[in-house]
Amino acid sequence: MAKSFYHFLMKYRHPMPKDPISHFANHAYEDHSFPKGSIDYDEISSYLEMNGHYLNNMAVFDEAWDHYIITEKD
């Protein structure tokens, strides 16, 4: 089983984020409702569209998802 997207994203957390993915990771960590166990693009995307007020642009999620697919998915 692949690592969840949230688990993958947490490697980008940084106390002084310098890029959009690190900002996203920090905010997702603080978002207690984030679908932490999900590996499903549509589920996470829908969640972020409704609840991801901390994302200025969904392109940040898409970029992070692309990295996730390349490095984590079976």
N, C-alpha and C. Protein backbone atom coordinates (compact mmCIF):
# COMPACT_ATOMS: atom_id res chain seq x y z
N MET A 1 0.85 -1.19 0.00
CA MET A 1 0.00 0.00 0.00
C MET A 1 0.89 1.25 0.00
N ALA A 2 0.51 2.19 -0.81
CA ALA A 2 1.28 3.43 -0.91
C ALA A 2 1.07 4.30 0.33
N LYS A 3 2.05 5.10 0.61
CA LYS A 3 1.98 6.09 1.68
C LYS A 3 0.85 7.07 1.34
N SER A 4 0.12 7.54 2.34
CA SER A 4 -0.94 8.52 2.08
C SER A 4 -0.33 9.83 1.57
N PHE A 5 -1.14 10.59 0.84
CA PHE A 5 -0.67 11.87 0.34
C PHE A 5 -0.25 12.78 1.50
N TYR A 6 -1.05 12.79 2.56
CA TYR A 6 -0.74 13.62 3.73
C TYR A 6 0.63 13.24 4.30
N HIS A 7 0.87 11.94 4.46
CA HIS A 7 2.16 11.48 5.00
C HIS A 7 3.30 11.93 4.09
N PHE A 8 3.11 11.81 2.78
CA PHE A 8 4.10 12.30 1.82
C PHE A 8 4.32 13.81 1.97
N LEU A 9 3.22 14.55 2.07
CA LEU A 9 3.29 16.01 2.14
C LEU A 9 4.05 16.49 3.37
N MET A 10 3.97 15.74 4.45
CA MET A 10 4.60 16.18 5.70
C MET A 10 6.11 16.29 5.60
N LYS A 11 6.72 15.64 4.63
CA LYS A 11 8.18 15.79 4.49
C LYS A 11 8.54 17.18 3.99
N TYR A 12 7.56 17.95 3.53
CA TYR A 12 7.80 19.32 3.06
C TYR A 12 7.56 20.37 4.15
N ARG A 13 7.10 19.94 5.33
CA ARG A 13 6.91 20.91 6.42
C ARG A 13 8.24 21.56 6.76
N HIS A 14 8.17 22.85 7.05
CA HIS A 14 9.39 23.58 7.37
C HIS A 14 9.02 24.76 8.27
N PRO A 15 9.80 25.03 9.30
CA PRO A 15 9.47 26.14 10.21
C PRO A 15 9.51 27.51 9.53
N MET A 16 10.30 27.63 8.47
CA MET A 16 10.36 28.89 7.72
C MET A 16 10.18 28.56 6.23
N PRO A 17 8.94 28.25 5.82
CA PRO A 17 8.72 27.80 4.45
C PRO A 17 9.14 28.85 3.42
N LYS A 18 9.78 28.36 2.38
CA LYS A 18 10.29 29.24 1.34
C LYS A 18 9.60 29.01 0.00
N ASP A 19 8.71 28.03 -0.07
CA ASP A 19 8.03 27.74 -1.33
C ASP A 19 6.57 27.37 -1.06
N PRO A 20 5.73 27.41 -2.08
CA PRO A 20 4.29 27.16 -1.89
C PRO A 20 3.97 25.77 -1.34
N ILE A 21 4.73 24.75 -1.71
CA ILE A 21 4.43 23.41 -1.20
C ILE A 21 4.72 23.33 0.30
N SER A 22 5.76 23.97 0.75
CA SER A 22 6.05 24.00 2.20
C SER A 22 4.96 24.74 2.96
N HIS A 23 4.47 25.85 2.41
CA HIS A 23 3.35 26.55 3.03
C HIS A 23 2.13 25.63 3.11
N PHE A 24 1.85 24.94 2.00
CA PHE A 24 0.72 24.00 1.94
C PHE A 24 0.89 22.91 3.01
N ALA A 25 2.07 22.34 3.11
CA ALA A 25 2.32 21.28 4.09
C ALA A 25 2.11 21.78 5.51
N ASN A 26 2.59 22.97 5.81
CA ASN A 26 2.41 23.53 7.15
C ASN A 26 0.93 23.72 7.46
N HIS A 27 0.17 24.25 6.51
CA HIS A 27 -1.26 24.47 6.73
C HIS A 27 -2.02 23.15 6.82
N ALA A 28 -1.67 22.19 5.98
CA ALA A 28 -2.34 20.89 6.04
C ALA A 28 -2.11 20.24 7.40
N TYR A 29 -0.92 20.41 7.95
CA TYR A 29 -0.61 19.87 9.28
C TYR A 29 -1.54 20.47 10.34
N GLU A 30 -1.84 21.75 10.21
CA GLU A 30 -2.71 22.43 11.16
C GLU A 30 -4.20 22.14 10.92
N ASP A 31 -4.53 21.60 9.75
CA ASP A 31 -5.92 21.31 9.36
C ASP A 31 -6.30 19.93 9.89
N HIS A 32 -6.97 19.89 11.02
CA HIS A 32 -7.27 18.63 11.69
C HIS A 32 -8.31 17.79 10.94
N SER A 33 -8.99 18.36 9.96
CA SER A 33 -9.97 17.62 9.17
C SER A 33 -9.40 17.10 7.85
N PHE A 34 -8.16 17.43 7.54
CA PHE A 34 -7.55 16.99 6.28
C PHE A 34 -7.66 15.46 6.18
N PRO A 35 -8.01 14.93 5.00
CA PRO A 35 -8.12 13.46 4.85
C PRO A 35 -6.75 12.79 4.89
N LYS A 36 -6.27 12.58 6.08
CA LYS A 36 -4.89 12.14 6.31
C LYS A 36 -4.56 10.76 5.76
N GLY A 37 -5.53 9.89 5.66
CA GLY A 37 -5.26 8.53 5.19
C GLY A 37 -5.49 8.33 3.71
N SER A 38 -5.91 9.36 3.01
CA SER A 38 -6.32 9.21 1.61
C SER A 38 -5.15 9.12 0.64
N ILE A 39 -5.35 8.30 -0.39
CA ILE A 39 -4.43 8.23 -1.52
C ILE A 39 -5.19 8.57 -2.81
N ASP A 40 -6.39 9.13 -2.66
CA ASP A 40 -7.29 9.40 -3.79
C ASP A 40 -7.28 10.88 -4.17
N TYR A 41 -6.87 11.17 -5.40
CA TYR A 41 -6.78 12.55 -5.89
C TYR A 41 -8.12 13.27 -5.76
N ASP A 42 -9.19 12.63 -6.24
CA ASP A 42 -10.50 13.30 -6.24
C ASP A 42 -10.99 13.62 -4.83
N GLU A 43 -10.78 12.72 -3.90
CA GLU A 43 -11.19 12.97 -2.51
C GLU A 43 -10.44 14.16 -1.93
N ILE A 44 -9.14 14.20 -2.11
CA ILE A 44 -8.33 15.28 -1.54
C ILE A 44 -8.63 16.59 -2.26
N SER A 45 -8.73 16.54 -3.58
CA SER A 45 -9.03 17.74 -4.35
C SER A 45 -10.37 18.34 -3.95
N SER A 46 -11.39 17.51 -3.82
CA SER A 46 -12.72 17.99 -3.41
C SER A 46 -12.66 18.59 -2.01
N TYR A 47 -11.95 17.92 -1.12
CA TYR A 47 -11.81 18.45 0.24
C TYR A 47 -11.17 19.84 0.20
N LEU A 48 -10.08 19.98 -0.56
CA LEU A 48 -9.37 21.26 -0.60
C LEU A 48 -10.21 22.35 -1.26
N GLU A 49 -10.99 21.98 -2.27
CA GLU A 49 -11.84 22.98 -2.92
C GLU A 49 -12.87 23.54 -1.94
N MET A 50 -13.33 22.70 -1.03
CA MET A 50 -14.34 23.14 -0.05
C MET A 50 -13.74 23.70 1.23
N ASN A 51 -12.55 23.23 1.61
CA ASN A 51 -11.99 23.56 2.92
C ASN A 51 -10.57 24.12 2.90
N GLY A 52 -9.96 24.14 1.74
CA GLY A 52 -8.55 24.54 1.67
C GLY A 52 -8.36 26.02 1.48
N HIS A 53 -8.99 26.80 2.35
CA HIS A 53 -8.89 28.26 2.28
C HIS A 53 -7.45 28.74 2.35
N TYR A 54 -6.58 27.91 2.86
CA TYR A 54 -5.17 28.27 3.00
C TYR A 54 -4.39 28.12 1.70
N LEU A 55 -5.01 27.51 0.69
CA LEU A 55 -4.35 27.38 -0.62
C LEU A 55 -4.79 28.54 -1.51
N ASN A 56 -3.83 29.34 -1.95
CA ASN A 56 -4.16 30.45 -2.85
C ASN A 56 -4.53 29.94 -4.23
N ASN A 57 -4.02 28.77 -4.58
CA ASN A 57 -4.19 28.25 -5.92
C ASN A 57 -4.12 26.73 -5.87
N MET A 58 -5.08 26.06 -6.50
CA MET A 58 -5.08 24.59 -6.51
C MET A 58 -3.90 24.03 -7.29
N ALA A 59 -3.23 24.86 -8.07
CA ALA A 59 -2.05 24.39 -8.80
C ALA A 59 -0.96 23.91 -7.84
N VAL A 60 -0.94 24.47 -6.63
CA VAL A 60 0.03 24.03 -5.62
C VAL A 60 -0.25 22.58 -5.25
N PHE A 61 -1.52 22.26 -5.05
CA PHE A 61 -1.90 20.87 -4.76
C PHE A 61 -1.53 19.97 -5.93
N ASP A 62 -1.85 20.42 -7.15
CA ASP A 62 -1.55 19.60 -8.33
C ASP A 62 -0.05 19.33 -8.46
N GLU A 63 0.76 20.33 -8.19
CA GLU A 63 2.22 20.14 -8.25
C GLU A 63 2.67 19.14 -7.18
N ALA A 64 2.15 19.30 -5.97
CA ALA A 64 2.51 18.36 -4.89
C ALA A 64 2.03 16.95 -5.24
N TRP A 65 0.82 16.85 -5.82
CA TRP A 65 0.29 15.53 -6.21
C TRP A 65 1.19 14.88 -7.25
N ASP A 66 1.66 15.67 -8.23
CA ASP A 66 2.56 15.12 -9.25
C ASP A 66 3.83 14.55 -8.62
N HIS A 67 4.39 15.25 -7.64
CA HIS A 67 5.57 14.74 -6.92
C HIS A 67 5.22 13.45 -6.18
N TYR A 68 4.04 13.42 -5.59
CA TYR A 68 3.57 12.24 -4.85
C TYR A 68 3.47 11.04 -5.78
N ILE A 69 2.84 11.22 -6.94
CA ILE A 69 2.68 10.12 -7.88
C ILE A 69 4.03 9.58 -8.35
N ILE A 70 4.94 10.47 -8.64
CA ILE A 70 6.25 10.07 -9.14
C ILE A 70 7.03 9.29 -8.09
N THR A 71 6.95 9.72 -6.83
CA THR A 71 7.82 9.14 -5.81
C THR A 71 7.18 8.08 -4.92
N GLU A 72 5.85 8.08 -4.81
CA GLU A 72 5.23 7.22 -3.78
C GLU A 72 4.29 6.14 -4.30
N LYS A 73 3.56 6.41 -5.34
CA LYS A 73 2.53 5.45 -5.76
C LYS A 73 3.13 4.20 -6.36
N ASP A 74 2.43 3.09 -6.18
CA ASP A 74 2.87 1.80 -6.75
C ASP A 74 2.70 1.79 -8.25
